[in-house]
Amino acid sequence: MRLVFAVMAAFTMLAGITPAAAEYPDKPIRIMAPYAPGGNIDVTARIVADKLKDVLGISVVVENKAGASGMIGSDVVARATPDGYTLLLSANSLVAVPAIYGNAPYDWRTAFQPISHIQAVPAVLVVPANSPIKTMADFVALGRDGKFTVADSGVGTTNHIAIELIGEATGTKYTLVHYKGSGQAQIDVIAGQVPAQVDQVNAAIGHIRAGKLRAIAVSSDKRVPQLPDVPTMKESGVKGLESFTFSTYTGLFGPAKLPPQVLDRLHDAMVKVLSDQATLRRFTDLTAEVRSSTPQELAAMLDKEERLVVPLIKKLGIKAE
């Protein structure tokens, strides 16, 4: 009889636990955007959060925590309780930045759980509206002595890597100014304090449309429909850029060891977010190509990125300043 009561008690306890586990989420979710407001990561995080709250029926807030090229905010998520309430929205720079700093507080392979790819967007070279630079040929000519200054959104970010790839392809070198995000860099370029910037198209397009920045070229395979008069870098006629393409892609991550049911819930929610027509229009207007993925597919993308970028970092001796 005691055994019967013990078994019944155990089932009662399990019955009490199961509904609670199924309630995720039951409190606000925080998405860490590890760069300053105004850039690609911030813009993407806010678009995702805006729809994710409707899909999950819970408040979703974006927190910007810039510093160390995204490592400070990323480390917050790496150390967070793996319960699905602290998430990270980051880019392919997640694998480049630790290689540059050399003393990253986390290993991206073991610290994070990929959830879904979100969007990919090409880079764009921009200059002040009154700049004498008109073409990629002009820009490359100025990079012959290594003194021409170009802004990016931080050491190891995809903007930084794009400049290094351009330099490697054309035999040029630039003096780089690393910001904590592209927002302040845009302000300084518009003001003429820095003569050029490489940024994601979706972060810069508002200023381009407003006439505050002039777009010189985009790094996509074909011209961006939203900027039809801006040539691709491949079209520039510059030696070394005949096949040049580059994109920044973003993804949603959680801390490692997310419970399977939480991972499934978040992944399914992201599929719905990225299938929503209003959300797709917002991304499309910003030149982004939207695509969800499985967690495994996103991990494979980062693995490929690491094999491409880390050897370049080592070859060029890129280090944190």
C-alpha atoms as a PDB file:
ATOM      1  CA  MET A   1       0.000   0.000   0.000  1.00  0.00           C
ATOM      2  CA  ARG A   2       2.864   2.370   0.841  1.00  0.00           C
ATOM      3  CA  LEU A   3       4.369   1.627  -2.576  1.00  0.00           C
ATOM      4  CA  VAL A   4       1.079   2.488  -4.272  1.00  0.00           C
ATOM      5  CA  PHE A   5       0.875   5.811  -2.430  1.00  0.00           C
ATOM      6  CA  ALA A   6       4.516   6.586  -3.302  1.00  0.00           C
ATOM      7  CA  VAL A   7       3.894   5.953  -6.994  1.00  0.00           C
ATOM      8  CA  MET A   8       0.723   8.057  -6.910  1.00  0.00           C
ATOM      9  CA  ALA A   9       2.636  10.863  -5.198  1.00  0.00           C
ATOM     10  CA  ALA A  10       5.372  10.728  -7.826  1.00  0.00           C
ATOM     11  CA  PHE A  11       2.843  10.966 -10.650  1.00  0.00           C
ATOM     12  CA  THR A  12       1.192  13.885  -8.874  1.00  0.00           C
ATOM     13  CA  MET A  13       4.517  15.710  -8.684  1.00  0.00           C
ATOM     14  CA  LEU A  14       5.234  15.072 -12.366  1.00  0.00           C
ATOM     15  CA  ALA A  15       1.777  16.278 -13.285  1.00  0.00           C
ATOM     16  CA  GLY A  16       2.522  19.467 -11.382  1.00  0.00           C
ATOM     17  CA  ILE A  17       5.840  20.016 -13.173  1.00  0.00           C
ATOM     18  CA  THR A  18       4.692  19.384 -16.731  1.00  0.00           C
ATOM     19  CA  PRO A  19       2.260  22.323 -17.069  1.00  0.00           C
ATOM     20  CA  ALA A  20       4.892  24.715 -15.669  1.00  0.00           C
ATOM     21  CA  ALA A  21       7.467  23.556 -18.212  1.00  0.00           C
ATOM     22  CA  ALA A  22       4.935  24.044 -20.989  1.00  0.00           C
ATOM     23  CA  GLU A  23       4.304  27.648 -19.998  1.00  0.00           C
ATOM     24  CA  TYR A  24       7.467  29.062 -21.586  1.00  0.00           C
ATOM     25  CA  PRO A  25       7.596  31.939 -21.974  1.00  0.00           C
ATOM     26  CA  ASP A  26       5.857  33.392 -18.930  1.00  0.00           C
ATOM     27  CA  LYS A  27       7.996  36.503 -18.383  1.00  0.00           C
ATOM     28  CA  PRO A  28       9.688  39.113 -20.607  1.00  0.00           C
ATOM     29  CA  ILE A  29      12.446  37.980 -22.975  1.00  0.00           C
ATOM     30  CA  ARG A  30      15.575  40.064 -23.413  1.00  0.00           C
ATOM     31  CA  ILE A  31      17.417  40.153 -26.753  1.00  0.00           C
ATOM     32  CA  MET A  32      20.979  41.385 -26.370  1.00  0.00           C
ATOM     33  CA  ALA A  33      22.183  43.544 -29.284  1.00  0.00           C
ATOM     34  CA  PRO A  34      25.908  43.777 -28.520  1.00  0.00           C
ATOM     35  CA  TYR A  35      26.530  46.976 -30.472  1.00  0.00           C
ATOM     36  CA  ALA A  36      25.436  50.594 -30.195  1.00  0.00           C
ATOM     37  CA  PRO A  37      22.006  51.673 -31.495  1.00  0.00           C
ATOM     38  CA  GLY A  38      21.537  52.506 -35.167  1.00  0.00           C
ATOM     39  CA  GLY A  39      23.455  49.705 -36.868  1.00  0.00           C
ATOM     40  CA  ASN A  40      22.488  46.489 -38.603  1.00  0.00           C
ATOM     41  CA  ILE A  41      22.339  44.375 -35.419  1.00  0.00           C
ATOM     42  CA  ASP A  42      20.225  46.938 -33.570  1.00  0.00           C
ATOM     43  CA  VAL A  43      17.829  47.463 -36.481  1.00  0.00           C
ATOM     44  CA  THR A  44      17.433  43.716 -37.010  1.00  0.00           C
ATOM     45  CA  ALA A  45      16.907  43.027 -33.304  1.00  0.00           C
ATOM     46  CA  ARG A  46      14.115  45.596 -33.062  1.00  0.00           C
ATOM     47  CA  ILE A  47      12.289  44.294 -36.126  1.00  0.00           C
ATOM     48  CA  VAL A  48      12.504  40.731 -34.781  1.00  0.00           C
ATOM     49  CA  ALA A  49      11.456  41.726 -31.252  1.00  0.00           C
ATOM     50  CA  ASP A  50       8.469  43.658 -32.560  1.00  0.00           C
ATOM     51  CA  LYS A  51       6.962  40.545 -34.156  1.00  0.00           C
ATOM     52  CA  LEU A  52       8.325  37.950 -31.738  1.00  0.00           C
ATOM     53  CA  LYS A  53       6.302  39.484 -28.917  1.00  0.00           C
ATOM     54  CA  ASP A  54       3.118  38.878 -30.916  1.00  0.00           C
ATOM     55  CA  VAL A  55       4.065  35.301 -31.785  1.00  0.00           C
ATOM     56  CA  LEU A  56       5.022  34.376 -28.228  1.00  0.00           C
ATOM     57  CA  GLY A  57       2.458  36.558 -26.501  1.00  0.00           C
ATOM     58  CA  ILE A  58       5.053  38.062 -24.171  1.00  0.00           C
ATOM     59  CA  SER A  59       7.090  41.253 -23.934  1.00  0.00           C
ATOM     60  CA  VAL A  60      10.376  41.110 -25.872  1.00  0.00           C
ATOM     61  CA  VAL A  61      12.860  43.907 -25.191  1.00  0.00           C
ATOM     62  CA  VAL A  62      16.097  44.794 -26.942  1.00  0.00           C
ATOM     63  CA  GLU A  63      19.094  45.787 -24.845  1.00  0.00           C
ATOM     64  CA  ASN A  64      22.155  47.401 -26.416  1.00  0.00           C
ATOM     65  CA  LYS A  65      25.409  46.582 -24.660  1.00  0.00           C
ATOM     66  CA  ALA A  66      28.312  47.720 -26.797  1.00  0.00           C
ATOM     67  CA  GLY A  67      32.002  47.163 -26.244  1.00  0.00           C
ATOM     68  CA  ALA A  68      34.929  44.990 -27.330  1.00  0.00           C
ATOM     69  CA  SER A  69      33.412  44.582 -30.801  1.00  0.00           C
ATOM     70  CA  GLY A  70      30.343  42.823 -29.440  1.00  0.00           C
ATOM     71  CA  MET A  71      32.087  40.541 -26.953  1.00  0.00           C
ATOM     72  CA  ILE A  72      30.784  42.306 -23.828  1.00  0.00           C
ATOM     73  CA  GLY A  73      27.128  41.903 -24.755  1.00  0.00           C
ATOM     74  CA  SER A  74      27.715  38.423 -26.140  1.00  0.00           C
ATOM     75  CA  ASP A  75      29.402  37.350 -22.921  1.00  0.00           C
ATOM     76  CA  VAL A  76      26.326  38.417 -20.963  1.00  0.00           C
ATOM     77  CA  VAL A  77      24.326  35.851 -22.927  1.00  0.00           C
ATOM     78  CA  ALA A  78      27.056  33.203 -22.713  1.00  0.00           C
ATOM     79  CA  ARG A  79      26.899  33.470 -18.903  1.00  0.00           C
ATOM     80  CA  ALA A  80      23.098  33.719 -18.682  1.00  0.00           C
ATOM     81  CA  THR A  81      20.881  31.000 -17.266  1.00  0.00           C
ATOM     82  CA  PRO A  82      19.902  28.805 -20.251  1.00  0.00           C
ATOM     83  CA  ASP A  83      16.174  29.263 -19.774  1.00  0.00           C
ATOM     84  CA  GLY A  84      15.321  31.125 -22.986  1.00  0.00           C
ATOM     85  CA  TYR A  85      14.824  34.537 -21.388  1.00  0.00           C
ATOM     86  CA  THR A  86      18.188  36.023 -22.404  1.00  0.00           C
ATOM     87  CA  LEU A  87      19.006  35.759 -26.109  1.00  0.00           C
ATOM     88  CA  LEU A  88      21.669  37.137 -28.439  1.00  0.00           C
ATOM     89  CA  LEU A  89      21.239  38.637 -31.876  1.00  0.00           C
ATOM     90  CA  SER A  90      24.606  38.645 -33.580  1.00  0.00           C
ATOM     91  CA  ALA A  91      26.308  38.401 -36.966  1.00  0.00           C
ATOM     92  CA  ASN A  92      28.990  36.285 -38.594  1.00  0.00           C
ATOM     93  CA  SER A  93      31.493  38.487 -36.741  1.00  0.00           C
ATOM     94  CA  LEU A  94      30.772  36.192 -33.787  1.00  0.00           C
ATOM     95  CA  VAL A  95      33.586  33.948 -35.063  1.00  0.00           C
ATOM     96  CA  ALA A  96      36.005  36.678 -36.208  1.00  0.00           C
ATOM     97  CA  VAL A  97      36.108  38.857 -33.105  1.00  0.00           C
ATOM     98  CA  PRO A  98      37.457  36.174 -30.717  1.00  0.00           C
ATOM     99  CA  ALA A  99      40.181  35.330 -33.244  1.00  0.00           C
ATOM    100  CA  ILE A 100      41.285  38.973 -33.269  1.00  0.00           C
ATOM    101  CA  TYR A 101      41.190  39.560 -29.530  1.00  0.00           C
ATOM    102  CA  GLY A 102      42.784  36.226 -28.717  1.00  0.00           C
ATOM    103  CA  ASN A 103      41.474  36.241 -25.151  1.00  0.00           C
ATOM    104  CA  ALA A 104      37.738  35.996 -25.699  1.00  0.00           C
ATOM    105  CA  PRO A 105      35.811  35.065 -22.540  1.00  0.00           C
ATOM    106  CA  TYR A 106      33.930  32.383 -24.464  1.00  0.00           C
ATOM    107  CA  ASP A 107      34.250  29.848 -27.274  1.00  0.00           C
ATOM    108  CA  TRP A 108      31.408  30.472 -29.700  1.00  0.00           C
ATOM    109  CA  ARG A 109      31.110  26.762 -30.415  1.00  0.00           C
ATOM    110  CA  THR A 110      30.403  25.848 -26.785  1.00  0.00           C
ATOM    111  CA  ALA A 111      28.974  29.075 -25.342  1.00  0.00           C
ATOM    112  CA  PHE A 112      25.956  29.565 -27.596  1.00  0.00           C
ATOM    113  CA  GLN A 113      23.026  27.600 -28.950  1.00  0.00           C
ATOM    114  CA  PRO A 114      22.148  28.671 -32.513  1.00  0.00           C
ATOM    115  CA  ILE A 115      18.386  29.110 -32.989  1.00  0.00           C
ATOM    116  CA  SER A 116      17.828  30.484 -36.497  1.00  0.00           C
ATOM    117  CA  HIS A 117      19.416  32.501 -39.272  1.00  0.00           C
ATOM    118  CA  ILE A 118      17.525  35.772 -39.803  1.00  0.00           C
ATOM    119  CA  GLN A 119      18.753  37.835 -42.740  1.00  0.00           C
ATOM    120  CA  ALA A 120      21.714  38.618 -44.953  1.00  0.00           C
ATOM    121  CA  VAL A 121      22.635  42.019 -46.310  1.00  0.00           C
ATOM    122  CA  PRO A 122      25.526  43.294 -48.454  1.00  0.00           C
ATOM    123  CA  ALA A 123      28.027  45.947 -47.462  1.00  0.00           C
ATOM    124  CA  VAL A 124      28.106  49.419 -48.962  1.00  0.00           C
ATOM    125  CA  LEU A 125      30.924  51.935 -49.247  1.00  0.00           C
ATOM    126  CA  VAL A 126      29.629  55.390 -48.316  1.00  0.00           C
ATOM    127  CA  VAL A 127      31.194  58.835 -48.245  1.00  0.00           C
ATOM    128  CA  PRO A 128      29.925  62.321 -47.264  1.00  0.00           C
ATOM    129  CA  ALA A 129      27.490  63.821 -49.739  1.00  0.00           C
ATOM    130  CA  ASN A 130      30.046  66.433 -50.857  1.00  0.00           C
ATOM    131  CA  SER A 131      32.988  64.015 -51.151  1.00  0.00           C
ATOM    132  CA  PRO A 132      35.120  64.115 -54.296  1.00  0.00           C
ATOM    133  CA  ILE A 133      35.089  60.295 -54.294  1.00  0.00           C
ATOM    134  CA  LYS A 134      32.708  59.143 -57.026  1.00  0.00           C
ATOM    135  CA  THR A 135      33.748  55.570 -57.834  1.00  0.00           C
ATOM    136  CA  MET A 136      35.458  52.493 -56.411  1.00  0.00           C
ATOM    137  CA  ALA A 137      38.441  53.363 -58.597  1.00  0.00           C
ATOM    138  CA  ASP A 138      38.716  56.698 -56.762  1.00  0.00           C
ATOM    139  CA  PHE A 139      38.520  54.915 -53.418  1.00  0.00           C
ATOM    140  CA  VAL A 140      41.126  52.295 -54.323  1.00  0.00           C
ATOM    141  CA  ALA A 141      43.509  54.953 -55.651  1.00  0.00           C
ATOM    142  CA  LEU A 142      43.384  56.695 -52.267  1.00  0.00           C
ATOM    143  CA  GLY A 143      44.310  53.462 -50.510  1.00  0.00           C
ATOM    144  CA  ARG A 144      47.686  53.073 -52.192  1.00  0.00           C
ATOM    145  CA  ASP A 145      49.673  54.768 -49.408  1.00  0.00           C
ATOM    146  CA  GLY A 146      47.740  53.364 -46.430  1.00  0.00           C
ATOM    147  CA  LYS A 147      46.884  56.791 -45.037  1.00  0.00           C
ATOM    148  CA  PHE A 148      43.291  57.168 -46.202  1.00  0.00           C
ATOM    149  CA  THR A 149      40.879  56.780 -43.266  1.00  0.00           C
ATOM    150  CA  VAL A 150      37.841  54.488 -43.278  1.00  0.00           C
ATOM    151  CA  ALA A 151      35.352  53.943 -40.461  1.00  0.00           C
ATOM    152  CA  ASP A 152      33.853  50.627 -39.414  1.00  0.00           C
ATOM    153  CA  SER A 153      31.647  49.435 -36.560  1.00  0.00           C
ATOM    154  CA  GLY A 154      34.356  47.722 -34.522  1.00  0.00           C
ATOM    155  CA  VAL A 155      37.396  45.473 -34.624  1.00  0.00           C
ATOM    156  CA  GLY A 156      36.477  42.125 -36.136  1.00  0.00           C
ATOM    157  CA  THR A 157      32.992  43.171 -37.229  1.00  0.00           C
ATOM    158  CA  THR A 158      31.855  42.227 -40.694  1.00  0.00           C
ATOM    159  CA  ASN A 159      32.353  45.861 -41.789  1.00  0.00           C
ATOM    160  CA  HIS A 160      35.972  45.664 -40.681  1.00  0.00           C
ATOM    161  CA  ILE A 161      36.468  42.309 -42.407  1.00  0.00           C
ATOM    162  CA  ALA A 162      34.893  43.685 -45.604  1.00  0.00           C
ATOM    163  CA  ILE A 163      37.445  46.516 -45.724  1.00  0.00           C
ATOM    164  CA  GLU A 164      40.292  44.066 -45.148  1.00  0.00           C
ATOM    165  CA  LEU A 165      38.967  41.822 -47.926  1.00  0.00           C
ATOM    166  CA  ILE A 166      38.760  44.799 -50.303  1.00  0.00           C
ATOM    167  CA  GLY A 167      42.308  45.749 -49.404  1.00  0.00           C
ATOM    168  CA  GLU A 168      43.538  42.192 -49.870  1.00  0.00           C
ATOM    169  CA  ALA A 169      41.831  41.949 -53.276  1.00  0.00           C
ATOM    170  CA  THR A 170      43.114  45.296 -54.582  1.00  0.00           C
ATOM    171  CA  GLY A 171      46.520  45.494 -52.957  1.00  0.00           C
ATOM    172  CA  THR A 172      45.554  48.518 -50.875  1.00  0.00           C
ATOM    173  CA  LYS A 173      45.623  49.392 -47.183  1.00  0.00           C
ATOM    174  CA  TYR A 174      43.552  51.858 -45.193  1.00  0.00           C
ATOM    175  CA  THR A 175      43.828  53.533 -41.809  1.00  0.00           C
ATOM    176  CA  LEU A 176      40.826  52.166 -39.945  1.00  0.00           C
ATOM    177  CA  VAL A 177      38.782  53.908 -37.270  1.00  0.00           C
ATOM    178  CA  HIS A 178      36.920  51.346 -35.183  1.00  0.00           C
ATOM    179  CA  TYR A 179      33.671  52.508 -33.579  1.00  0.00           C
ATOM    180  CA  LYS A 180      31.389  50.682 -31.112  1.00  0.00           C
ATOM    181  CA  GLY A 181      28.709  50.391 -33.774  1.00  0.00           C
ATOM    182  CA  SER A 182      27.915  52.037 -37.074  1.00  0.00           C
ATOM    183  CA  GLY A 183      25.580  54.726 -35.719  1.00  0.00           C
ATOM    184  CA  GLN A 184      28.275  57.098 -34.431  1.00  0.00           C
ATOM    185  CA  ALA A 185      30.460  56.293 -37.415  1.00  0.00           C
ATOM    186  CA  GLN A 186      27.649  57.427 -39.719  1.00  0.00           C
ATOM    187  CA  ILE A 187      27.330  60.698 -37.823  1.00  0.00           C
ATOM    188  CA  ASP A 188      31.048  61.411 -38.161  1.00  0.00           C
ATOM    189  CA  VAL A 189      31.105  60.516 -41.863  1.00  0.00           C
ATOM    190  CA  ILE A 190      28.079  62.722 -42.555  1.00  0.00           C
ATOM    191  CA  ALA A 191      29.862  65.551 -40.734  1.00  0.00           C
ATOM    192  CA  GLY A 192      33.000  64.983 -42.801  1.00  0.00           C
ATOM    193  CA  GLN A 193      35.156  64.047 -39.808  1.00  0.00           C
ATOM    194  CA  VAL A 194      35.906  60.668 -41.415  1.00  0.00           C
ATOM    195  CA  PRO A 195      36.046  60.507 -45.243  1.00  0.00           C
ATOM    196  CA  ALA A 196      34.522  57.051 -45.798  1.00  0.00           C
ATOM    197  CA  GLN A 197      32.762  54.143 -44.133  1.00  0.00           C
ATOM    198  CA  VAL A 198      31.929  50.545 -44.977  1.00  0.00           C
ATOM    199  CA  ASP A 199      28.561  49.632 -43.502  1.00  0.00           C
ATOM    200  CA  GLN A 200      25.673  47.265 -44.059  1.00  0.00           C
ATOM    201  CA  VAL A 201      23.220  48.604 -46.632  1.00  0.00           C
ATOM    202  CA  ASN A 202      20.255  48.296 -44.274  1.00  0.00           C
ATOM    203  CA  ALA A 203      21.984  50.454 -41.664  1.00  0.00           C
ATOM    204  CA  ALA A 204      23.040  53.165 -44.117  1.00  0.00           C
ATOM    205  CA  ILE A 205      20.142  53.287 -46.575  1.00  0.00           C
ATOM    206  CA  GLY A 206      18.137  55.872 -44.632  1.00  0.00           C
ATOM    207  CA  HIS A 207      21.003  58.379 -44.804  1.00  0.00           C
ATOM    208  CA  ILE A 208      21.639  57.481 -48.458  1.00  0.00           C
ATOM    209  CA  ARG A 209      18.003  58.127 -49.356  1.00  0.00           C
ATOM    210  CA  ALA A 210      18.071  61.384 -47.397  1.00  0.00           C
ATOM    211  CA  GLY A 211      21.102  62.569 -49.365  1.00  0.00           C
ATOM    212  CA  LYS A 212      23.335  62.719 -46.288  1.00  0.00           C
ATOM    213  CA  LEU A 213      25.623  59.953 -47.523  1.00  0.00           C
ATOM    214  CA  ARG A 214      26.671  59.014 -51.050  1.00  0.00           C
ATOM    215  CA  ALA A 215      26.781  55.305 -51.835  1.00  0.00           C
ATOM    216  CA  ILE A 216      29.776  54.393 -53.997  1.00  0.00           C
ATOM    217  CA  ALA A 217      29.266  50.640 -54.462  1.00  0.00           C
ATOM    218  CA  VAL A 218      27.617  47.612 -52.877  1.00  0.00           C
ATOM    219  CA  SER A 219      29.215  44.212 -52.273  1.00  0.00           C
ATOM    220  CA  SER A 220      26.302  42.125 -53.530  1.00  0.00           C
ATOM    221  CA  ASP A 221      26.399  39.887 -56.594  1.00  0.00           C
ATOM    222  CA  LYS A 222      23.801  42.059 -58.329  1.00  0.00           C
ATOM    223  CA  ARG A 223      22.625  45.613 -57.810  1.00  0.00           C
ATOM    224  CA  VAL A 224      20.352  46.186 -54.838  1.00  0.00           C
ATOM    225  CA  PRO A 225      16.819  46.887 -56.142  1.00  0.00           C
ATOM    226  CA  GLN A 226      16.289  49.606 -53.519  1.00  0.00           C
ATOM    227  CA  LEU A 227      19.424  51.430 -54.782  1.00  0.00           C
ATOM    228  CA  PRO A 228      19.325  50.729 -58.524  1.00  0.00           C
ATOM    229  CA  ASP A 229      21.776  53.500 -59.435  1.00  0.00           C
ATOM    230  CA  VAL A 230      24.504  52.202 -57.116  1.00  0.00           C
ATOM    231  CA  PRO A 231      26.857  49.784 -58.912  1.00  0.00           C
ATOM    232  CA  THR A 232      28.236  46.612 -57.424  1.00  0.00           C
ATOM    233  CA  MET A 233      31.930  46.391 -56.599  1.00  0.00           C
ATOM    234  CA  LYS A 234      32.167  43.730 -59.321  1.00  0.00           C
ATOM    235  CA  GLU A 235      31.022  46.342 -61.856  1.00  0.00           C
ATOM    236  CA  SER A 236      33.676  48.858 -60.815  1.00  0.00           C
ATOM    237  CA  GLY A 237      36.304  47.702 -63.293  1.00  0.00           C
ATOM    238  CA  VAL A 238      38.881  47.690 -60.490  1.00  0.00           C
ATOM    239  CA  LYS A 239      41.426  44.887 -60.767  1.00  0.00           C
ATOM    240  CA  GLY A 240      40.846  42.321 -58.039  1.00  0.00           C
ATOM    241  CA  LEU A 241      37.159  43.079 -57.580  1.00  0.00           C
ATOM    242  CA  GLU A 242      35.905  41.230 -60.679  1.00  0.00           C
ATOM    243  CA  SER A 243      34.212  38.572 -58.543  1.00  0.00           C
ATOM    244  CA  PHE A 244      34.083  40.334 -55.188  1.00  0.00           C
ATOM    245  CA  THR A 245      30.989  39.710 -53.060  1.00  0.00           C
ATOM    246  CA  PHE A 246      30.462  39.892 -49.314  1.00  0.00           C
ATOM    247  CA  SER A 247      27.463  39.757 -46.989  1.00  0.00           C
ATOM    248  CA  THR A 248      26.744  40.138 -43.317  1.00  0.00           C
ATOM    249  CA  TYR A 249      24.256  37.641 -41.999  1.00  0.00           C
ATOM    250  CA  THR A 250      22.549  37.702 -38.638  1.00  0.00           C
ATOM    251  CA  GLY A 251      21.188  34.990 -36.405  1.00  0.00           C
ATOM    252  CA  LEU A 252      19.445  34.464 -33.095  1.00  0.00           C
ATOM    253  CA  PHE A 253      21.268  32.558 -30.362  1.00  0.00           C
ATOM    254  CA  GLY A 254      20.702  31.481 -26.803  1.00  0.00           C
ATOM    255  CA  PRO A 255      23.122  30.324 -24.143  1.00  0.00           C
ATOM    256  CA  ALA A 256      24.392  26.779 -24.523  1.00  0.00           C
ATOM    257  CA  LYS A 257      22.321  23.978 -22.998  1.00  0.00           C
ATOM    258  CA  LEU A 258      18.919  25.491 -23.758  1.00  0.00           C
ATOM    259  CA  PRO A 259      16.255  22.912 -22.865  1.00  0.00           C
ATOM    260  CA  PRO A 260      15.081  21.153 -26.054  1.00  0.00           C
ATOM    261  CA  GLN A 261      11.479  22.280 -25.593  1.00  0.00           C
ATOM    262  CA  VAL A 262      12.600  25.917 -25.228  1.00  0.00           C
ATOM    263  CA  LEU A 263      14.823  25.680 -28.311  1.00  0.00           C
ATOM    264  CA  ASP A 264      11.964  24.178 -30.314  1.00  0.00           C
ATOM    265  CA  ARG A 265       9.573  26.889 -29.130  1.00  0.00           C
ATOM    266  CA  LEU A 266      11.969  29.672 -30.074  1.00  0.00           C
ATOM    267  CA  HIS A 267      12.850  28.135 -33.432  1.00  0.00           C
ATOM    268  CA  ASP A 268       9.195  27.640 -34.358  1.00  0.00           C
ATOM    269  CA  ALA A 269       8.485  31.220 -33.289  1.00  0.00           C
ATOM    270  CA  MET A 270      11.291  32.551 -35.495  1.00  0.00           C
ATOM    271  CA  VAL A 271       9.954  30.640 -38.493  1.00  0.00           C
ATOM    272  CA  LYS A 272       6.623  32.426 -37.942  1.00  0.00           C
ATOM    273  CA  VAL A 273       8.315  35.804 -37.454  1.00  0.00           C
ATOM    274  CA  LEU A 274      10.266  35.464 -40.685  1.00  0.00           C
ATOM    275  CA  SER A 275       7.179  34.288 -42.580  1.00  0.00           C
ATOM    276  CA  ASP A 276       5.125  37.320 -41.566  1.00  0.00           C
ATOM    277  CA  GLN A 277       4.488  39.494 -44.614  1.00  0.00           C
ATOM    278  CA  ALA A 278       4.697  42.801 -42.748  1.00  0.00           C
ATOM    279  CA  THR A 279       8.026  41.803 -41.214  1.00  0.00           C
ATOM    280  CA  LEU A 280       9.314  40.638 -44.603  1.00  0.00           C
ATOM    281  CA  ARG A 281       8.393  44.004 -46.127  1.00  0.00           C
ATOM    282  CA  ARG A 282      10.297  45.840 -43.393  1.00  0.00           C
ATOM    283  CA  PHE A 283      13.410  43.791 -44.049  1.00  0.00           C
ATOM    284  CA  THR A 284      13.034  43.963 -47.825  1.00  0.00           C
ATOM    285  CA  ASP A 285      12.740  47.751 -47.696  1.00  0.00           C
ATOM    286  CA  LEU A 286      16.106  47.708 -45.918  1.00  0.00           C
ATOM    287  CA  THR A 287      17.646  45.513 -48.662  1.00  0.00           C
ATOM    288  CA  ALA A 288      17.881  42.419 -46.454  1.00  0.00           C
ATOM    289  CA  GLU A 289      17.376  38.887 -47.762  1.00  0.00           C
ATOM    290  CA  VAL A 290      15.353  37.033 -45.150  1.00  0.00           C
ATOM    291  CA  ARG A 291      15.628  33.308 -44.481  1.00  0.00           C
ATOM    292  CA  SER A 292      15.034  31.202 -41.403  1.00  0.00           C
ATOM    293  CA  SER A 293      17.143  28.102 -40.808  1.00  0.00           C
ATOM    294  CA  THR A 294      17.498  25.153 -38.521  1.00  0.00           C
ATOM    295  CA  PRO A 295      19.910  25.525 -35.602  1.00  0.00           C
ATOM    296  CA  GLN A 296      22.219  23.056 -37.356  1.00  0.00           C
ATOM    297  CA  GLU A 297      22.252  25.099 -40.569  1.00  0.00           C
ATOM    298  CA  LEU A 298      23.180  28.275 -38.697  1.00  0.00           C
ATOM    299  CA  ALA A 299      26.000  26.445 -36.897  1.00  0.00           C
ATOM    300  CA  ALA A 300      27.289  25.189 -40.257  1.00  0.00           C
ATOM    301  CA  MET A 301      27.267  28.747 -41.653  1.00  0.00           C
ATOM    302  CA  LEU A 302      29.396  29.960 -38.761  1.00  0.00           C
ATOM    303  CA  ASP A 303      31.760  27.037 -39.176  1.00  0.00           C
ATOM    304  CA  LYS A 304      32.230  27.962 -42.843  1.00  0.00           C
ATOM    305  CA  GLU A 305      32.758  31.601 -41.897  1.00  0.00           C
ATOM    306  CA  GLU A 306      35.452  30.633 -39.428  1.00  0.00           C
ATOM    307  CA  ARG A 307      37.320  28.647 -42.092  1.00  0.00           C
ATOM    308  CA  LEU A 308      37.178  31.662 -44.446  1.00  0.00           C
ATOM    309  CA  VAL A 309      37.911  34.571 -42.134  1.00  0.00           C
ATOM    310  CA  VAL A 310      40.245  33.310 -39.397  1.00  0.00           C
ATOM    311  CA  PRO A 311      43.082  32.477 -41.856  1.00  0.00           C
ATOM    312  CA  LEU A 312      42.780  36.032 -43.254  1.00  0.00           C
ATOM    313  CA  ILE A 313      42.991  37.494 -39.748  1.00  0.00           C
ATOM    314  CA  LYS A 314      46.141  35.504 -39.055  1.00  0.00           C
ATOM    315  CA  LYS A 315      47.676  36.333 -42.434  1.00  0.00           C
ATOM    316  CA  LEU A 316      47.164  40.072 -41.997  1.00  0.00           C
ATOM    317  CA  GLY A 317      48.082  40.000 -38.316  1.00  0.00           C
ATOM    318  CA  ILE A 318      44.871  41.764 -37.311  1.00  0.00           C
ATOM    319  CA  LYS A 319      44.789  42.387 -33.576  1.00  0.00           C
ATOM    320  CA  ALA A 320      42.667  44.386 -31.170  1.00  0.00           C
ATOM    321  CA  GLU A 321      43.965  47.897 -30.576  1.00  0.00           C
END
